C-alpha atoms as a PDB file:
ATOM      1  CA  MET A   1     -25.977  11.670 -36.808  1.00  0.00           C
ATOM      2  CA  SER A   2     -22.458  12.758 -37.581  1.00  0.00           C
ATOM      3  CA  ASN A   3     -20.951  16.021 -36.545  1.00  0.00           C
ATOM      4  CA  LYS A   4     -19.156  17.718 -39.454  1.00  0.00           C
ATOM      5  CA  ASN A   5     -17.494  20.377 -37.285  1.00  0.00           C
ATOM      6  CA  SER A   6     -14.026  19.093 -36.354  1.00  0.00           C
ATOM      7  CA  GLY A   7     -13.617  21.555 -33.461  1.00  0.00           C
ATOM      8  CA  THR A   8     -16.446  20.125 -31.349  1.00  0.00           C
ATOM      9  CA  PHE A   9     -17.012  16.888 -29.533  1.00  0.00           C
ATOM     10  CA  GLN A  10     -20.440  15.651 -28.528  1.00  0.00           C
ATOM     11  CA  THR A  11     -21.075  12.435 -26.636  1.00  0.00           C
ATOM     12  CA  SER A  12     -24.802  12.164 -27.338  1.00  0.00           C
ATOM     13  CA  ASP A  13     -27.425  13.292 -29.847  1.00  0.00           C
ATOM     14  CA  ARG A  14     -29.370  15.454 -27.386  1.00  0.00           C
ATOM     15  CA  LYS A  15     -28.961  19.200 -27.568  1.00  0.00           C
ATOM     16  CA  VAL A  16     -27.152  20.865 -24.695  1.00  0.00           C
ATOM     17  CA  GLN A  17     -27.966  24.486 -23.985  1.00  0.00           C
ATOM     18  CA  THR A  18     -25.542  26.624 -22.021  1.00  0.00           C
ATOM     19  CA  CYS A  19     -25.041  30.269 -21.294  1.00  0.00           C
ATOM     20  CA  ILE A  20     -21.695  30.166 -23.141  1.00  0.00           C
ATOM     21  CA  PRO A  21     -22.524  28.964 -26.658  1.00  0.00           C
ATOM     22  CA  SER A  22     -18.936  29.284 -27.921  1.00  0.00           C
ATOM     23  CA  ALA A  23     -17.505  26.871 -25.342  1.00  0.00           C
ATOM     24  CA  ILE A  24     -16.543  23.356 -26.387  1.00  0.00           C
ATOM     25  CA  GLU A  25     -19.103  20.952 -24.909  1.00  0.00           C
ATOM     26  CA  MET A  26     -18.663  17.507 -23.439  1.00  0.00           C
ATOM     27  CA  SER A  27     -21.836  17.771 -21.372  1.00  0.00           C
ATOM     28  CA  VAL A  28     -19.689  20.117 -19.260  1.00  0.00           C
ATOM     29  CA  ARG A  29     -18.130  23.376 -20.304  1.00  0.00           C
ATOM     30  CA  GLU A  30     -14.420  23.083 -20.926  1.00  0.00           C
ATOM     31  CA  VAL A  31     -13.755  25.877 -18.414  1.00  0.00           C
ATOM     32  CA  ASP A  32     -15.577  23.990 -15.647  1.00  0.00           C
ATOM     33  CA  TRP A  33     -13.862  20.738 -16.545  1.00  0.00           C
ATOM     34  CA  LYS A  34     -10.397  22.320 -16.385  1.00  0.00           C
ATOM     35  CA  ARG A  35     -11.196  24.100 -13.113  1.00  0.00           C
ATOM     36  CA  ILE A  36     -12.272  20.837 -11.491  1.00  0.00           C
ATOM     37  CA  TYR A  37      -9.238  19.057 -12.954  1.00  0.00           C
ATOM     38  CA  ARG A  38      -6.856  21.677 -11.501  1.00  0.00           C
ATOM     39  CA  LYS A  39      -8.501  21.370  -8.086  1.00  0.00           C
ATOM     40  CA  ILE A  40      -8.259  17.589  -8.127  1.00  0.00           C
ATOM     41  CA  LYS A  41      -4.561  17.784  -9.021  1.00  0.00           C
ATOM     42  CA  THR A  42      -3.897  19.953  -5.939  1.00  0.00           C
ATOM     43  CA  ILE A  43      -5.357  17.399  -3.531  1.00  0.00           C
ATOM     44  CA  PRO A  44      -2.519  15.499  -1.855  1.00  0.00           C
ATOM     45  CA  ARG A  45      -2.984  11.748  -1.744  1.00  0.00           C
ATOM     46  CA  HIS A  46      -3.715  10.053   1.550  1.00  0.00           C
ATOM     47  CA  THR A  47      -0.653   8.641   3.235  1.00  0.00           C
ATOM     48  CA  SER A  48      -0.004   7.123   6.636  1.00  0.00           C
ATOM     49  CA  ILE A  49       3.635   8.222   6.896  1.00  0.00           C
ATOM     50  CA  TYR A  50       2.841  11.162   9.180  1.00  0.00           C
ATOM     51  CA  GLN A  51       0.783   8.979  11.478  1.00  0.00           C
ATOM     52  CA  ILE A  52       3.676   6.499  11.651  1.00  0.00           C
ATOM     53  CA  ILE A  53       6.177   9.277  12.392  1.00  0.00           C
ATOM     54  CA  THR A  54       3.881  10.624  15.096  1.00  0.00           C
ATOM     55  CA  SER A  55       3.459   7.208  16.738  1.00  0.00           C
ATOM     56  CA  VAL A  56       7.166   6.420  16.659  1.00  0.00           C
ATOM     57  CA  SER A  57       8.056   9.861  18.016  1.00  0.00           C
ATOM     58  CA  TRP A  58       5.590   9.615  20.897  1.00  0.00           C
ATOM     59  CA  GLY A  59       6.916   6.124  21.687  1.00  0.00           C
ATOM     60  CA  VAL A  60      10.542   7.290  21.703  1.00  0.00           C
ATOM     61  CA  ALA A  61       9.631  10.308  23.871  1.00  0.00           C
ATOM     62  CA  VAL A  62       7.794   8.184  26.431  1.00  0.00           C
ATOM     63  CA  SER A  63      10.589   5.606  26.500  1.00  0.00           C
ATOM     64  CA  ALA A  64      13.290   8.236  26.971  1.00  0.00           C
ATOM     65  CA  GLY A  65      11.207  10.023  29.607  1.00  0.00           C
ATOM     66  CA  THR A  66      10.519   6.885  31.629  1.00  0.00           C
ATOM     67  CA  THR A  67      14.174   5.894  31.391  1.00  0.00           C
ATOM     68  CA  LEU A  68      15.060   9.128  33.165  1.00  0.00           C
ATOM     69  CA  ILE A  69      13.223   7.992  36.320  1.00  0.00           C
ATOM     70  CA  PRO A  70      15.620   5.136  37.165  1.00  0.00           C
ATOM     71  CA  LEU A  71      18.582   7.233  36.059  1.00  0.00           C
ATOM     72  CA  TYR A  72      17.792   9.883  38.671  1.00  0.00           C
ATOM     73  CA  GLN A  73      17.049   7.249  41.335  1.00  0.00           C
ATOM     74  CA  SER A  74      20.174   5.194  40.795  1.00  0.00           C
ATOM     75  CA  THR A  75      22.699   5.318  43.587  1.00  0.00           C
ATOM     76  CA  THR A  76      25.634   4.579  41.366  1.00  0.00           C
ATOM     77  CA  GLY A  77      27.004   7.390  39.298  1.00  0.00           C
ATOM     78  CA  THR A  78      26.356   7.553  35.594  1.00  0.00           C
ATOM     79  CA  GLU A  79      28.348   9.343  32.982  1.00  0.00           C
ATOM     80  CA  SER A  80      27.649  13.063  32.856  1.00  0.00           C
ATOM     81  CA  TRP A  81      26.389  12.948  29.285  1.00  0.00           C
ATOM     82  CA  VAL A  82      23.725  10.229  29.804  1.00  0.00           C
ATOM     83  CA  LYS A  83      20.980  12.266  31.507  1.00  0.00           C
ATOM     84  CA  PRO A  84      21.173  15.293  29.173  1.00  0.00           C
ATOM     85  CA  THR A  85      21.160  12.946  26.172  1.00  0.00           C
ATOM     86  CA  PHE A  86      17.942  11.301  27.337  1.00  0.00           C
ATOM     87  CA  TRP A  87      16.389  14.730  27.946  1.00  0.00           C
ATOM     88  CA  VAL A  88      17.342  15.859  24.445  1.00  0.00           C
ATOM     89  CA  ILE A  89      15.976  12.668  22.903  1.00  0.00           C
ATOM     90  CA  ALA A  90      12.706  12.961  24.845  1.00  0.00           C
ATOM     91  CA  LEU A  91      12.168  16.631  23.999  1.00  0.00           C
ATOM     92  CA  ALA A  92      13.190  16.278  20.350  1.00  0.00           C
ATOM     93  CA  SER A  93      10.836  13.318  19.937  1.00  0.00           C
ATOM     94  CA  LEU A  94       7.994  15.265  21.541  1.00  0.00           C
ATOM     95  CA  ILE A  95       8.576  18.175  19.170  1.00  0.00           C
ATOM     96  CA  ILE A  96       8.811  15.934  16.094  1.00  0.00           C
ATOM     97  CA  GLY A  97       5.680  14.046  17.157  1.00  0.00           C
ATOM     98  CA  TYR A  98       3.729  17.262  17.710  1.00  0.00           C
ATOM     99  CA  ILE A  99       4.803  18.779  14.381  1.00  0.00           C
ATOM    100  CA  SER A 100       4.003  15.580  12.498  1.00  0.00           C
ATOM    101  CA  GLN A 101       0.588  15.277  14.142  1.00  0.00           C
ATOM    102  CA  LYS A 102      -0.257  18.918  13.418  1.00  0.00           C
ATOM    103  CA  TYR A 103       0.914  18.603   9.806  1.00  0.00           C
ATOM    104  CA  GLU A 104      -1.215  15.488   9.297  1.00  0.00           C
ATOM    105  CA  LYS A 105      -4.258  17.233  10.797  1.00  0.00           C
ATOM    106  CA  ASP A 106      -3.771  20.307   8.577  1.00  0.00           C
ATOM    107  CA  ARG A 107      -3.249  18.116   5.526  1.00  0.00           C
ATOM    108  CA  ASN A 108      -6.411  16.113   6.193  1.00  0.00           C
ATOM    109  CA  SER A 109      -8.366  19.355   6.680  1.00  0.00           C
ATOM    110  CA  PHE A 110      -7.071  20.629   3.331  1.00  0.00           C
ATOM    111  CA  ILE A 111      -8.042  17.377   1.619  1.00  0.00           C
ATOM    112  CA  ALA A 112     -11.559  17.518   3.105  1.00  0.00           C
ATOM    113  CA  ALA A 113     -12.063  21.194   2.234  1.00  0.00           C
ATOM    114  CA  THR A 114     -10.852  20.773  -1.337  1.00  0.00           C
ATOM    115  CA  SER A 115     -12.998  17.675  -1.819  1.00  0.00           C
ATOM    116  CA  GLU A 116     -16.076  19.538  -0.571  1.00  0.00           C
ATOM    117  CA  GLU A 117     -15.297  22.437  -2.908  1.00  0.00           C
ATOM    118  CA  ILE A 118     -15.033  20.085  -5.888  1.00  0.00           C
ATOM    119  CA  GLU A 119     -18.293  18.397  -4.903  1.00  0.00           C
ATOM    120  CA  LYS A 120     -20.050  21.787  -4.796  1.00  0.00           C
ATOM    121  CA  ASP A 121     -18.646  22.682  -8.226  1.00  0.00           C
ATOM    122  CA  MET A 122     -19.880  19.396  -9.644  1.00  0.00           C
ATOM    123  CA  GLN A 123     -23.336  19.902  -8.106  1.00  0.00           C
ATOM    124  CA  GLU A 124     -23.507  23.401  -9.602  1.00  0.00           C
ATOM    125  CA  ILE A 125     -22.636  22.056 -13.044  1.00  0.00           C
ATOM    126  CA  TYR A 126     -25.141  19.217 -12.714  1.00  0.00           C
ATOM    127  CA  TYR A 127     -27.980  21.540 -11.710  1.00  0.00           C
ATOM    128  CA  THR A 128     -27.176  23.788 -14.682  1.00  0.00           C
ATOM    129  CA  PHE A 129     -28.040  20.925 -17.045  1.00  0.00           C
ATOM    130  CA  PHE A 130     -30.694  19.183 -14.928  1.00  0.00           C
ATOM    131  CA  PRO A 131     -32.346  21.844 -12.732  1.00  0.00           C
ATOM    132  CA  ASN A 132     -35.349  19.703 -11.747  1.00  0.00           C
ATOM    133  CA  GLN A 133     -33.450  16.529 -10.838  1.00  0.00           C
ATOM    134  CA  GLY A 134     -31.681  15.646  -7.650  1.00  0.00           C
ATOM    135  CA  LEU A 135     -28.050  14.723  -8.016  1.00  0.00           C
ATOM    136  CA  ASP A 136     -28.361  11.518  -5.998  1.00  0.00           C
ATOM    137  CA  GLU A 137     -31.471  10.327  -7.836  1.00  0.00           C
ATOM    138  CA  ASP A 138     -31.034   7.451 -10.266  1.00  0.00           C
END
């Protein structure tokens, strides 16, 4: 069966009935397809860079903090800039580690929420075409 209308695209010979008859059909309305596509494009890709930054920052903070213990217990004098420098390094690393960890957590929450939203949209579309079938049934 050939389709003579050049403005439509149909992947199978079965008739598809929708509530929007003027929409271009590819088993899914074009509007739904574009909405899902836009949502997928907004999902950031998984990356481990923030976890690495967090781990390195916590390690630097702990190292600088534990180095302060012998510096304060030493009987010989140290330069006046050494102790404040270690304090600054420890605190800055703690702040960077906290910010990186929070950002990674927020990012992962956004990824999960957006993925769930897309899954719900896809289920809604599926049940429009196949109301009596379960989505996970083969």
